[in-house]
Amino acid sequence: MFGGITGAVLCQAAGEGVDPDKTLRHFQVEFVRPALAGQSYTVSVEEISNGKTLTSREIRLIQEDKIRVTARADFVRPIESDVRIDTFTAPDLAPKEQGTQMTEVGLPDFVSHFDNYVTTAGVPFQGGKVPELGGWMRFKDAPQQIKDPHLVALIDSWPPTASPYYVGFKPVSTVSWSMHFTEHASTVQPGDHLGYLAKVHFGADGVSSSSADIWTPDGRLVAKSLQTNLIFA
C-alpha cells in the first residue's frame, strides 16, 4: 500500500483528542513491513507524554498480527517569544507548464490521485545523474481543507530522490521518514500547487538518503522532510 496513505492513517489516529491549541510539529514514520492493501488492520495509539506544552504519541499499524508501520507524533502549544528564525528562501523552480506530469513517467497507479509536475532536470527512472528531484504538487481532487494527514500523503506522493539515477522502474521504498512542520496545515490553500525540492545526500549499495523542502506559492516554508530509502531485493 502507498506509504503516504499508511502515514496519513497513523497521523489521523495520532491527532484524535489532542488539545486543539496544539499543533503537529514533528511526525516520524518507520515502515517495518509493507502494509497490505484491501486487508483489515488495527491501529493502536499510546500517549507517552501529555504536558502543558507538549503531547507525544506513539502509533502502530498492525496486520496479520505483525507490526507493519510505526510512528511518533509531537503536538506543541505555541508560546510567546520575540525570537523568530526564518532562513528559508524558496528555490527558483520552473513553472509547472514547463515540467513533466508525473503520470507520464511510468510510476505506480497511486500517482494518478495527484496533480504533480516534475520541473527539475532529474526525472524519475530516466537514468540521469541529477542529485535532486522536485516540482509542483497538489491533490487532483482537492479536499475542502488541508489537514495534517493530507500533508503527509501529499509529501510522499513523490518517488525517492535517488530515482532519477535508475533506468526503468525499481522498487525503491522508504524505511524511515521524518517530517518537521513549520505551521498549522490549515494555512495551506487546498487548490494551490505546493513547491517540492528534494536533494539526495548519498546513495550506495541500494540505500539512499535525502531531504526535501515544501513551500507555498508565496514562498512560505511548510515542512522539511527527511527520508532513508532502499531497494527491496
Protein backbone atom coordinates (compact mmCIF):
# COMPACT_ATOMS: atom_id res chain seq x y z
CA MET A 1 0.00 0.00 0.00
CA PHE A 2 1.19 3.54 -0.83
CA GLY A 3 3.29 4.75 2.11
CA GLY A 4 1.69 8.18 2.13
CA ILE A 5 -1.69 6.59 2.84
CA THR A 6 -0.45 4.49 5.75
CA GLY A 7 1.38 7.51 7.12
CA ALA A 8 -1.79 9.61 6.80
CA VAL A 9 -3.85 6.93 8.60
CA LEU A 10 -1.44 6.96 11.54
CA CYS A 11 -1.30 10.76 11.54
CA GLN A 12 -5.11 10.93 11.69
CA ALA A 13 -5.20 8.49 14.61
CA ALA A 14 -2.43 10.36 16.43
CA GLY A 15 -4.29 13.66 16.36
CA GLU A 16 -7.63 12.46 17.70
CA GLY A 17 -8.44 14.08 21.05
CA VAL A 18 -5.33 16.30 21.16
CA ASP A 19 -5.91 19.80 22.56
CA PRO A 20 -6.94 21.96 19.57
CA ASP A 21 -4.42 24.68 20.50
CA LYS A 22 -1.54 22.24 20.00
CA THR A 23 -0.09 21.92 16.52
CA LEU A 24 1.65 18.93 14.91
CA ARG A 25 5.32 19.88 14.64
CA HIS A 26 7.05 16.55 14.14
CA PHE A 27 5.90 13.25 12.65
CA GLN A 28 8.27 10.28 12.37
CA VAL A 29 7.29 7.12 10.43
CA GLU A 30 9.08 3.77 10.32
CA PHE A 31 7.98 1.33 7.62
CA VAL A 32 8.75 -2.02 9.23
CA ARG A 33 6.93 -4.18 6.65
CA PRO A 34 4.75 -3.39 3.64
CA ALA A 35 1.12 -2.69 4.56
CA LEU A 36 -1.27 -4.81 2.50
CA ALA A 37 -3.99 -3.05 0.52
CA GLY A 38 -7.54 -4.40 0.76
CA GLN A 39 -6.98 -6.21 4.06
CA SER A 40 -8.17 -5.30 7.54
CA TYR A 41 -5.81 -3.72 10.04
CA THR A 42 -5.80 -2.25 13.53
CA VAL A 43 -4.22 0.96 14.78
CA SER A 44 -3.01 1.38 18.36
CA VAL A 45 -2.20 4.75 19.94
CA GLU A 46 -0.17 5.20 23.13
CA GLU A 47 0.21 8.59 24.77
CA ILE A 48 3.76 8.80 26.09
CA SER A 49 3.64 12.44 27.20
CA ASN A 50 0.88 14.98 27.79
CA GLY A 51 2.01 18.20 29.40
CA LYS A 52 1.13 21.87 29.16
CA THR A 53 3.33 22.42 26.11
CA LEU A 54 3.88 19.01 24.51
CA THR A 55 1.74 15.96 23.71
CA SER A 56 3.61 12.97 22.27
CA ARG A 57 2.04 9.79 20.97
CA GLU A 58 3.30 6.52 19.51
CA ILE A 59 1.16 4.79 16.90
CA ARG A 60 1.26 1.33 15.31
CA LEU A 61 -0.49 -0.20 12.32
CA ILE A 62 -0.89 -3.97 12.72
CA GLN A 63 -1.94 -6.50 10.08
CA GLU A 64 -1.98 -10.29 10.38
CA ASP A 65 -0.60 -9.94 13.93
CA LYS A 66 2.51 -8.19 12.60
CA ILE A 67 3.60 -4.61 13.12
CA ARG A 68 3.67 -3.02 9.66
CA VAL A 69 4.22 0.68 10.35
CA THR A 70 5.07 2.65 13.48
CA ALA A 71 5.02 6.41 14.05
CA ARG A 72 5.60 9.10 16.63
CA ALA A 73 3.75 12.42 16.63
CA ASP A 74 4.64 15.52 18.65
CA PHE A 75 2.00 18.23 19.13
CA VAL A 76 3.20 21.55 20.57
CA ARG A 77 1.34 24.54 22.09
CA PRO A 78 2.85 27.83 20.84
CA ILE A 79 4.48 30.06 23.43
CA GLU A 80 5.05 33.81 23.32
CA SER A 81 8.53 34.62 22.05
CA ASP A 82 10.35 37.54 20.46
CA VAL A 83 12.60 35.11 18.59
CA ARG A 84 11.64 34.09 15.06
CA ILE A 85 14.19 32.33 12.85
CA ASP A 86 13.45 32.17 9.14
CA THR A 87 16.36 31.23 6.88
CA PHE A 88 14.29 29.71 4.05
CA THR A 89 14.33 31.10 0.52
CA ALA A 90 12.05 29.35 -1.96
CA PRO A 91 14.02 27.76 -4.83
CA ASP A 92 13.54 29.24 -8.29
CA LEU A 93 11.75 26.28 -9.89
CA ALA A 94 10.41 26.41 -13.42
CA PRO A 95 6.59 26.73 -13.63
CA LYS A 96 4.58 23.53 -13.87
CA GLU A 97 3.69 24.30 -17.51
CA GLN A 98 7.34 23.68 -18.38
CA GLY A 99 7.50 20.40 -16.46
CA THR A 100 6.62 16.75 -16.98
CA GLN A 101 3.40 15.50 -15.44
CA MET A 102 4.28 12.64 -13.12
CA THR A 103 1.64 10.32 -14.57
CA GLU A 104 3.74 10.26 -17.75
CA VAL A 105 6.90 8.67 -16.30
CA GLY A 106 5.76 5.09 -15.58
CA LEU A 107 5.10 5.32 -11.84
CA PRO A 108 2.60 3.24 -9.79
CA ASP A 109 -1.11 3.96 -10.14
CA PHE A 110 -1.39 5.98 -6.92
CA VAL A 111 0.23 9.00 -8.60
CA SER A 112 -2.96 9.44 -10.63
CA HIS A 113 -4.59 10.90 -7.49
CA PHE A 114 -2.13 13.81 -7.55
CA ASP A 115 -1.59 16.69 -9.95
CA ASN A 116 2.21 16.73 -9.81
CA TYR A 117 4.74 18.13 -12.28
CA VAL A 118 8.48 17.44 -12.32
CA THR A 119 10.39 20.62 -13.22
CA THR A 120 13.93 19.63 -12.20
CA ALA A 121 16.39 18.07 -14.65
CA GLY A 122 16.12 14.80 -12.75
CA VAL A 123 13.07 12.80 -13.85
CA PRO A 124 12.27 9.51 -12.03
CA PHE A 125 13.81 6.35 -13.53
CA GLN A 126 15.19 8.09 -16.62
CA GLY A 127 18.88 7.37 -15.92
CA GLY A 128 20.01 10.96 -15.35
CA LYS A 129 22.70 11.54 -12.73
CA VAL A 130 20.96 14.50 -11.12
CA PRO A 131 21.01 14.58 -7.28
CA GLU A 132 17.69 16.40 -6.91
CA LEU A 133 14.03 15.93 -7.71
CA GLY A 134 11.23 18.42 -7.46
CA GLY A 135 8.46 20.49 -8.92
CA TRP A 136 4.84 21.25 -8.01
CA MET A 137 2.21 19.13 -6.27
CA ARG A 138 -1.42 19.12 -5.20
CA PHE A 139 -4.35 16.70 -4.94
CA LYS A 140 -6.21 16.11 -8.19
CA ASP A 141 -9.46 16.29 -6.21
CA ALA A 142 -8.73 18.87 -3.54
CA PRO A 143 -10.23 18.43 -0.06
CA GLN A 144 -12.26 21.29 1.41
CA GLN A 145 -9.48 21.97 3.91
CA ILE A 146 -5.89 20.75 4.15
CA LYS A 147 -5.24 18.90 7.41
CA ASP A 148 -2.13 17.19 8.78
CA PRO A 149 -2.86 13.77 7.19
CA HIS A 150 -3.35 15.46 3.80
CA LEU A 151 0.13 16.98 4.01
CA VAL A 152 1.63 13.61 4.95
CA ALA A 153 0.07 11.91 1.92
CA LEU A 154 0.96 14.80 -0.39
CA ILE A 155 4.62 14.95 0.62
CA ASP A 156 5.01 11.21 -0.02
CA SER A 157 3.45 11.48 -3.49
CA TRP A 158 6.99 11.90 -4.87
CA PRO A 159 9.26 8.93 -5.57
CA PRO A 160 12.59 8.70 -3.72
CA THR A 161 15.11 11.36 -4.69
CA ALA A 162 17.62 8.80 -5.97
CA SER A 163 15.08 7.52 -8.53
CA PRO A 164 16.37 9.67 -11.45
CA TYR A 165 19.64 7.71 -11.36
CA TYR A 166 17.96 4.43 -12.26
CA VAL A 167 16.96 3.34 -15.75
CA GLY A 168 13.47 1.86 -15.58
CA PHE A 169 11.30 1.45 -12.51
CA LYS A 170 12.95 -0.01 -9.39
CA PRO A 171 11.22 -0.98 -6.11
CA VAL A 172 12.80 1.85 -4.09
CA SER A 173 10.94 2.10 -0.78
CA THR A 174 11.08 4.32 2.28
CA VAL A 175 12.31 2.80 5.53
CA SER A 176 12.49 5.85 7.78
CA TRP A 177 10.71 9.17 7.25
CA SER A 178 10.70 12.28 9.41
CA MET A 179 8.66 15.45 8.82
CA HIS A 180 9.04 18.78 10.59
CA PHE A 181 6.16 21.23 10.16
CA THR A 182 6.57 25.00 10.46
CA GLU A 183 2.91 25.97 10.92
CA HIS A 184 -0.64 24.66 11.04
CA ALA A 185 -1.73 22.69 7.96
CA SER A 186 -4.87 24.82 7.61
CA THR A 187 -2.73 27.73 6.34
CA VAL A 188 -2.26 25.79 3.07
CA GLN A 189 -4.90 26.51 0.44
CA PRO A 190 -6.38 23.24 -0.92
CA GLY A 191 -6.19 24.23 -4.58
CA ASP A 192 -2.63 25.59 -4.52
CA HIS A 193 0.30 23.75 -6.03
CA LEU A 194 2.96 23.42 -3.33
CA GLY A 195 6.62 23.56 -4.23
CA TYR A 196 8.75 20.49 -3.54
CA LEU A 197 12.51 20.12 -3.89
CA ALA A 198 14.44 17.12 -2.57
CA LYS A 199 18.19 16.58 -2.66
CA VAL A 200 19.90 13.24 -2.24
CA HIS A 201 22.79 13.18 0.24
CA PHE A 202 24.28 9.82 -0.65
CA GLY A 203 23.44 6.55 -2.35
CA ALA A 204 25.28 3.22 -2.35
CA ASP A 205 24.52 -0.50 -2.03
CA GLY A 206 20.82 0.11 -2.66
CA VAL A 207 20.49 2.63 0.18
CA SER A 208 19.99 6.39 -0.21
CA SER A 209 19.22 9.37 1.99
CA SER A 210 17.59 12.67 1.08
CA SER A 211 15.90 15.78 2.46
CA ALA A 212 13.20 17.98 0.95
CA ASP A 213 11.68 21.42 1.38
CA ILE A 214 7.94 22.03 0.87
CA TRP A 215 6.61 25.56 0.45
CA THR A 216 3.56 27.58 -0.56
CA PRO A 217 3.25 29.58 -3.83
CA ASP A 218 4.06 32.77 -1.91
CA GLY A 219 7.33 31.28 -0.62
CA ARG A 220 6.42 30.20 2.93
CA LEU A 221 8.14 27.06 4.17
CA VAL A 222 5.54 24.45 5.18
CA ALA A 223 7.62 21.40 6.06
CA LYS A 224 11.00 19.74 5.95
CA SER A 225 11.07 16.04 5.03
CA LEU A 226 13.95 13.60 5.57
CA GLN A 227 13.93 10.04 4.21
CA THR A 228 16.04 6.90 4.13
CA ASN A 229 15.25 4.63 1.18
CA LEU A 230 16.36 1.23 -0.01
CA ILE A 231 15.76 -1.17 -2.85
CA PHE A 232 13.97 -4.33 -1.75
CA ALA A 233 15.53 -7.34 -3.46
